[in-house]
Amino acid sequence: MSEKNRDSKNRWRNVTIAFRMSPEEDAELDLRVKLCGYQTRQEYIIESVLHQKVTAVGNPLMLGLLI
């Protein structure tokens, strides 16, 4: 069994999130990571997902979820 690892802030990182990208999107992600000064894609994606403003656009499907 592999040894458990902690990140630089002593947190457990044991959940994997995966998604697919086109080669063009991959290149854009690499560029953004470098321009923002992050060491890893993981750092950039976590910061982007957790700390950006999200705007929900309503649609009929969402109304069914609220009832």
PDB file of N, CA and C in Angstrom:
ATOM      1  N   MET A   1       0.846  -1.175   0.000  1.00  0.00           N
ATOM      2  CA  MET A   1       0.000   0.000   0.000  1.00  0.00           C
ATOM      3  C   MET A   1       0.892   1.239   0.000  1.00  0.00           C
ATOM      4  N   SER A   2       0.504   2.251  -0.779  1.00  0.00           N
ATOM      5  CA  SER A   2       1.346   3.436  -0.871  1.00  0.00           C
ATOM      6  C   SER A   2       1.202   4.324   0.365  1.00  0.00           C
ATOM      7  N   GLU A   3       2.231   5.090   0.612  1.00  0.00           N
ATOM      8  CA  GLU A   3       2.252   5.990   1.762  1.00  0.00           C
ATOM      9  C   GLU A   3       1.344   7.187   1.485  1.00  0.00           C
ATOM     10  N   LYS A   4       0.590   7.623   2.496  1.00  0.00           N
ATOM     11  CA  LYS A   4      -0.296   8.770   2.335  1.00  0.00           C
ATOM     12  C   LYS A   4       0.534  10.047   2.289  1.00  0.00           C
ATOM     13  N   ASN A   5       0.141  10.952   1.419  1.00  0.00           N
ATOM     14  CA  ASN A   5       0.871  12.206   1.254  1.00  0.00           C
ATOM     15  C   ASN A   5       0.032  13.387   1.710  1.00  0.00           C
ATOM     16  N   ARG A   6       0.704  14.398   2.191  1.00  0.00           N
ATOM     17  CA  ARG A   6       0.057  15.658   2.554  1.00  0.00           C
ATOM     18  C   ARG A   6       0.631  16.755   1.657  1.00  0.00           C
ATOM     19  N   ASP A   7      -0.170  17.790   1.418  1.00  0.00           N
ATOM     20  CA  ASP A   7       0.317  18.893   0.592  1.00  0.00           C
ATOM     21  C   ASP A   7       1.163  19.842   1.438  1.00  0.00           C
ATOM     22  N   SER A   8       1.556  20.977   0.855  1.00  0.00           N
ATOM     23  CA  SER A   8       2.455  21.911   1.544  1.00  0.00           C
ATOM     24  C   SER A   8       1.820  22.552   2.776  1.00  0.00           C
ATOM     25  N   LYS A   9       0.485  22.517   2.867  1.00  0.00           N
ATOM     26  CA  LYS A   9      -0.204  23.076   4.030  1.00  0.00           C
ATOM     27  C   LYS A   9      -0.670  21.977   4.983  1.00  0.00           C
ATOM     28  N   ASN A  10      -0.066  20.786   4.845  1.00  0.00           N
ATOM     29  CA  ASN A  10      -0.314  19.645   5.720  1.00  0.00           C
ATOM     30  C   ASN A  10      -1.758  19.134   5.635  1.00  0.00           C
ATOM     31  N   ARG A  11      -2.371  19.213   4.426  1.00  0.00           N
ATOM     32  CA  ARG A  11      -3.730  18.710   4.225  1.00  0.00           C
ATOM     33  C   ARG A  11      -3.675  17.393   3.463  1.00  0.00           C
ATOM     34  N   TRP A  12      -4.620  16.504   3.774  1.00  0.00           N
ATOM     35  CA  TRP A  12      -4.740  15.270   2.995  1.00  0.00           C
ATOM     36  C   TRP A  12      -5.389  15.600   1.663  1.00  0.00           C
ATOM     37  N   ARG A  13      -4.857  15.078   0.591  1.00  0.00           N
ATOM     38  CA  ARG A  13      -5.439  15.242  -0.740  1.00  0.00           C
ATOM     39  C   ARG A  13      -5.673  13.858  -1.310  1.00  0.00           C
ATOM     40  N   ASN A  14      -6.799  13.222  -0.943  1.00  0.00           N
ATOM     41  CA  ASN A  14      -7.029  11.852  -1.369  1.00  0.00           C
ATOM     42  C   ASN A  14      -8.224  11.683  -2.302  1.00  0.00           C
ATOM     43  N   VAL A  15      -8.829  12.767  -2.781  1.00  0.00           N
ATOM     44  CA  VAL A  15      -9.939  12.700  -3.720  1.00  0.00           C
ATOM     45  C   VAL A  15      -9.422  13.096  -5.103  1.00  0.00           C
ATOM     46  N   THR A  16      -9.748  12.290  -6.114  1.00  0.00           N
ATOM     47  CA  THR A  16      -9.319  12.577  -7.478  1.00  0.00           C
ATOM     48  C   THR A  16     -10.492  13.108  -8.280  1.00  0.00           C
ATOM     49  N   ILE A  17     -10.271  14.219  -8.976  1.00  0.00           N
ATOM     50  CA  ILE A  17     -11.249  14.796  -9.894  1.00  0.00           C
ATOM     51  C   ILE A  17     -10.620  14.727 -11.279  1.00  0.00           C
ATOM     52  N   ALA A  18     -11.357  14.221 -12.259  1.00  0.00           N
ATOM     53  CA  ALA A  18     -10.801  14.087 -13.609  1.00  0.00           C
ATOM     54  C   ALA A  18     -11.804  14.600 -14.642  1.00  0.00           C
ATOM     55  N   PHE A  19     -11.291  15.163 -15.725  1.00  0.00           N
ATOM     56  CA  PHE A  19     -12.133  15.605 -16.837  1.00  0.00           C
ATOM     57  C   PHE A  19     -11.298  15.611 -18.101  1.00  0.00           C
ATOM     58  N   ARG A  20     -11.960  15.673 -19.237  1.00  0.00           N
ATOM     59  CA  ARG A  20     -11.278  15.641 -20.529  1.00  0.00           C
ATOM     60  C   ARG A  20     -11.196  17.035 -21.135  1.00  0.00           C
ATOM     61  N   MET A  21     -10.113  17.270 -21.902  1.00  0.00           N
ATOM     62  CA  MET A  21      -9.905  18.554 -22.573  1.00  0.00           C
ATOM     63  C   MET A  21      -9.375  18.301 -23.973  1.00  0.00           C
ATOM     64  N   SER A  22      -9.638  19.245 -24.863  1.00  0.00           N
ATOM     65  CA  SER A  22      -9.058  19.177 -26.197  1.00  0.00           C
ATOM     66  C   SER A  22      -7.596  19.616 -26.105  1.00  0.00           C
ATOM     67  N   PRO A  23      -6.783  19.325 -27.113  1.00  0.00           N
ATOM     68  CA  PRO A  23      -5.385  19.799 -27.098  1.00  0.00           C
ATOM     69  C   PRO A  23      -5.283  21.326 -26.999  1.00  0.00           C
ATOM     70  N   GLU A  24      -6.221  22.033 -27.619  1.00  0.00           N
ATOM     71  CA  GLU A  24      -6.208  23.494 -27.563  1.00  0.00           C
ATOM     72  C   GLU A  24      -6.513  23.984 -26.143  1.00  0.00           C
ATOM     73  N   GLU A  25      -7.488  23.343 -25.490  1.00  0.00           N
ATOM     74  CA  GLU A  25      -7.818  23.710 -24.117  1.00  0.00           C
ATOM     75  C   GLU A  25      -6.662  23.386 -23.170  1.00  0.00           C
ATOM     76  N   ASP A  26      -5.991  22.278 -23.431  1.00  0.00           N
ATOM     77  CA  ASP A  26      -4.836  21.879 -22.629  1.00  0.00           C
ATOM     78  C   ASP A  26      -3.729  22.936 -22.718  1.00  0.00           C
ATOM     79  N   ALA A  27      -3.473  23.410 -23.927  1.00  0.00           N
ATOM     80  CA  ALA A  27      -2.444  24.442 -24.117  1.00  0.00           C
ATOM     81  C   ALA A  27      -2.850  25.734 -23.414  1.00  0.00           C
ATOM     82  N   GLU A  28      -4.126  26.094 -23.489  1.00  0.00           N
ATOM     83  CA  GLU A  28      -4.625  27.301 -22.825  1.00  0.00           C
ATOM     84  C   GLU A  28      -4.495  27.177 -21.306  1.00  0.00           C
ATOM     85  N   LEU A  29      -4.803  26.015 -20.771  1.00  0.00           N
ATOM     86  CA  LEU A  29      -4.667  25.790 -19.329  1.00  0.00           C
ATOM     87  C   LEU A  29      -3.214  25.931 -18.903  1.00  0.00           C
ATOM     88  N   ASP A  30      -2.293  25.318 -19.648  1.00  0.00           N
ATOM     89  CA  ASP A  30      -0.865  25.432 -19.326  1.00  0.00           C
ATOM     90  C   ASP A  30      -0.418  26.888 -19.328  1.00  0.00           C
ATOM     91  N   LEU A  31      -0.862  27.640 -20.321  1.00  0.00           N
ATOM     92  CA  LEU A  31      -0.494  29.047 -20.419  1.00  0.00           C
ATOM     93  C   LEU A  31      -1.007  29.831 -19.212  1.00  0.00           C
ATOM     94  N   ARG A  32      -2.259  29.598 -18.849  1.00  0.00           N
ATOM     95  CA  ARG A  32      -2.837  30.320 -17.708  1.00  0.00           C
ATOM     96  C   ARG A  32      -2.133  29.970 -16.404  1.00  0.00           C
ATOM     97  N   VAL A  33      -1.784  28.698 -16.227  1.00  0.00           N
ATOM     98  CA  VAL A  33      -1.067  28.278 -15.018  1.00  0.00           C
ATOM     99  C   VAL A  33       0.259  29.016 -14.925  1.00  0.00           C
ATOM    100  N   LYS A  34       0.995  29.080 -16.024  1.00  0.00           N
ATOM    101  CA  LYS A  34       2.295  29.756 -16.035  1.00  0.00           C
ATOM    102  C   LYS A  34       2.157  31.259 -15.802  1.00  0.00           C
ATOM    103  N   LEU A  35       1.165  31.882 -16.465  1.00  0.00           N
ATOM    104  CA  LEU A  35       0.984  33.327 -16.326  1.00  0.00           C
ATOM    105  C   LEU A  35       0.589  33.728 -14.904  1.00  0.00           C
ATOM    106  N   CYS A  36      -0.141  32.867 -14.224  1.00  0.00           N
ATOM    107  CA  CYS A  36      -0.571  33.168 -12.853  1.00  0.00           C
ATOM    108  C   CYS A  36       0.494  32.827 -11.820  1.00  0.00           C
ATOM    109  N   GLY A  37       1.537  32.118 -12.231  1.00  0.00           N
ATOM    110  CA  GLY A  37       2.636  31.829 -11.323  1.00  0.00           C
ATOM    111  C   GLY A  37       2.437  30.623 -10.427  1.00  0.00           C
ATOM    112  N   TYR A  38       1.477  29.781 -10.725  1.00  0.00           N
ATOM    113  CA  TYR A  38       1.281  28.579  -9.914  1.00  0.00           C
ATOM    114  C   TYR A  38       2.303  27.524 -10.303  1.00  0.00           C
ATOM    115  N   GLN A  39       2.654  26.681  -9.333  1.00  0.00           N
ATOM    116  CA  GLN A  39       3.621  25.616  -9.575  1.00  0.00           C
ATOM    117  C   GLN A  39       2.987  24.431 -10.295  1.00  0.00           C
ATOM    118  N   THR A  40       1.706  24.163  -9.998  1.00  0.00           N
ATOM    119  CA  THR A  40       1.040  23.002 -10.588  1.00  0.00           C
ATOM    120  C   THR A  40      -0.332  23.379 -11.127  1.00  0.00           C
ATOM    121  N   ARG A  41      -0.824  22.543 -12.025  1.00  0.00           N
ATOM    122  CA  ARG A  41      -2.181  22.711 -12.541  1.00  0.00           C
ATOM    123  C   ARG A  41      -3.186  22.559 -11.408  1.00  0.00           C
ATOM    124  N   GLN A  42      -2.900  21.640 -10.498  1.00  0.00           N
ATOM    125  CA  GLN A  42      -3.803  21.388  -9.378  1.00  0.00           C
ATOM    126  C   GLN A  42      -4.047  22.662  -8.590  1.00  0.00           C
ATOM    127  N   GLU A  43      -2.985  23.385  -8.258  1.00  0.00           N
ATOM    128  CA  GLU A  43      -3.129  24.631  -7.506  1.00  0.00           C
ATOM    129  C   GLU A  43      -4.008  25.622  -8.262  1.00  0.00           C
ATOM    130  N   TYR A  44      -3.747  25.775  -9.548  1.00  0.00           N
ATOM    131  CA  TYR A  44      -4.509  26.723 -10.367  1.00  0.00           C
ATOM    132  C   TYR A  44      -5.981  26.339 -10.426  1.00  0.00           C
ATOM    133  N   ILE A  45      -6.264  25.063 -10.669  1.00  0.00           N
ATOM    134  CA  ILE A  45      -7.648  24.619 -10.805  1.00  0.00           C
ATOM    135  C   ILE A  45      -8.400  24.761  -9.488  1.00  0.00           C
ATOM    136  N   ILE A  46      -7.781  24.389  -8.370  1.00  0.00           N
ATOM    137  CA  ILE A  46      -8.444  24.524  -7.073  1.00  0.00           C
ATOM    138  C   ILE A  46      -8.759  25.991  -6.793  1.00  0.00           C
ATOM    139  N   GLU A  47      -7.799  26.875  -7.000  1.00  0.00           N
ATOM    140  CA  GLU A  47      -8.035  28.304  -6.773  1.00  0.00           C
ATOM    141  C   GLU A  47      -9.130  28.828  -7.691  1.00  0.00           C
ATOM    142  N   SER A  48      -9.100  28.424  -8.952  1.00  0.00           N
ATOM    143  CA  SER A  48     -10.095  28.895  -9.915  1.00  0.00           C
ATOM    144  C   SER A  48     -11.493  28.422  -9.551  1.00  0.00           C
ATOM    145  N   VAL A  49     -11.616  27.171  -9.202  1.00  0.00           N
ATOM    146  CA  VAL A  49     -12.935  26.604  -8.915  1.00  0.00           C
ATOM    147  C   VAL A  49     -13.499  27.125  -7.596  1.00  0.00           C
ATOM    148  N   LEU A  50     -12.683  27.216  -6.582  1.00  0.00           N
ATOM    149  CA  LEU A  50     -13.196  27.573  -5.268  1.00  0.00           C
ATOM    150  C   LEU A  50     -13.309  29.071  -5.017  1.00  0.00           C
ATOM    151  N   HIS A  51     -12.596  29.897  -5.769  1.00  0.00           N
ATOM    152  CA  HIS A  51     -12.556  31.323  -5.437  1.00  0.00           C
ATOM    153  C   HIS A  51     -13.024  32.247  -6.554  1.00  0.00           C
ATOM    154  N   GLN A  52     -13.698  31.717  -7.544  1.00  0.00           N
ATOM    155  CA  GLN A  52     -14.219  32.568  -8.611  1.00  0.00           C
ATOM    156  C   GLN A  52     -15.718  32.758  -8.433  1.00  0.00           C
ATOM    157  N   LYS A  53     -16.223  33.877  -8.906  1.00  0.00           N
ATOM    158  CA  LYS A  53     -17.643  34.157  -8.854  1.00  0.00           C
ATOM    159  C   LYS A  53     -18.365  33.236  -9.843  1.00  0.00           C
ATOM    160  N   VAL A  54     -19.438  32.626  -9.380  1.00  0.00           N
ATOM    161  CA  VAL A  54     -20.225  31.739 -10.231  1.00  0.00           C
ATOM    162  C   VAL A  54     -21.612  32.336 -10.365  1.00  0.00           C
ATOM    163  N   THR A  55     -22.088  32.477 -11.602  1.00  0.00           N
ATOM    164  CA  THR A  55     -23.408  33.006 -11.857  1.00  0.00           C
ATOM    165  C   THR A  55     -24.285  31.894 -12.395  1.00  0.00           C
ATOM    166  N   ALA A  56     -25.385  31.623 -11.716  1.00  0.00           N
ATOM    167  CA  ALA A  56     -26.319  30.597 -12.171  1.00  0.00           C
ATOM    168  C   ALA A  56     -27.350  31.244 -13.080  1.00  0.00           C
ATOM    169  N   VAL A  57     -27.579  30.633 -14.222  1.00  0.00           N
ATOM    170  CA  VAL A  57     -28.573  31.115 -15.176  1.00  0.00           C
ATOM    171  C   VAL A  57     -29.757  30.162 -15.098  1.00  0.00           C
ATOM    172  N   GLY A  58     -30.905  30.713 -14.748  1.00  0.00           N
ATOM    173  CA  GLY A  58     -32.095  29.884 -14.568  1.00  0.00           C
ATOM    174  C   GLY A  58     -32.611  29.301 -15.868  1.00  0.00           C
ATOM    175  N   ASN A  59     -33.214  28.113 -15.758  1.00  0.00           N
ATOM    176  CA  ASN A  59     -33.873  27.477 -16.890  1.00  0.00           C
ATOM    177  C   ASN A  59     -34.997  26.604 -16.346  1.00  0.00           C
ATOM    178  N   PRO A  60     -35.908  26.130 -17.188  1.00  0.00           N
ATOM    179  CA  PRO A  60     -37.044  25.329 -16.700  1.00  0.00           C
ATOM    180  C   PRO A  60     -36.623  24.088 -15.902  1.00  0.00           C
ATOM    181  N   LEU A  61     -35.502  23.489 -16.232  1.00  0.00           N
ATOM    182  CA  LEU A  61     -35.047  22.313 -15.498  1.00  0.00           C
ATOM    183  C   LEU A  61     -34.747  22.661 -14.037  1.00  0.00           C
ATOM    184  N   MET A  62     -34.157  23.824 -13.805  1.00  0.00           N
ATOM    185  CA  MET A  62     -33.854  24.241 -12.439  1.00  0.00           C
ATOM    186  C   MET A  62     -35.122  24.446 -11.615  1.00  0.00           C
ATOM    187  N   LEU A  63     -36.187  24.904 -12.237  1.00  0.00           N
ATOM    188  CA  LEU A  63     -37.440  25.107 -11.510  1.00  0.00           C
ATOM    189  C   LEU A  63     -37.969  23.795 -10.954  1.00  0.00           C
ATOM    190  N   GLY A  64     -37.816  22.723 -11.708  1.00  0.00           N
ATOM    191  CA  GLY A  64     -38.260  21.407 -11.249  1.00  0.00           C
ATOM    192  C   GLY A  64     -37.460  20.922 -10.059  1.00  0.00           C
ATOM    193  N   LEU A  65     -36.219  21.332  -9.943  1.00  0.00           N
ATOM    194  CA  LEU A  65     -35.377  20.926  -8.822  1.00  0.00           C
ATOM    195  C   LEU A  65     -35.726  21.643  -7.538  1.00  0.00           C
ATOM    196  N   LEU A  66     -36.324  22.821  -7.657  1.00  0.00           N
ATOM    197  CA  LEU A  66     -36.641  23.623  -6.483  1.00  0.00           C
ATOM    198  C   LEU A  66     -37.956  23.226  -5.825  1.00  0.00           C
ATOM    199  N   ILE A  67     -38.766  22.493  -6.525  1.00  0.00           N
ATOM    200  CA  ILE A  67     -40.098  22.127  -5.993  1.00  0.00           C
ATOM    201  C   ILE A  67     -40.021  20.895  -5.129  1.00  0.00           C
TER     202      ILE A  67
END
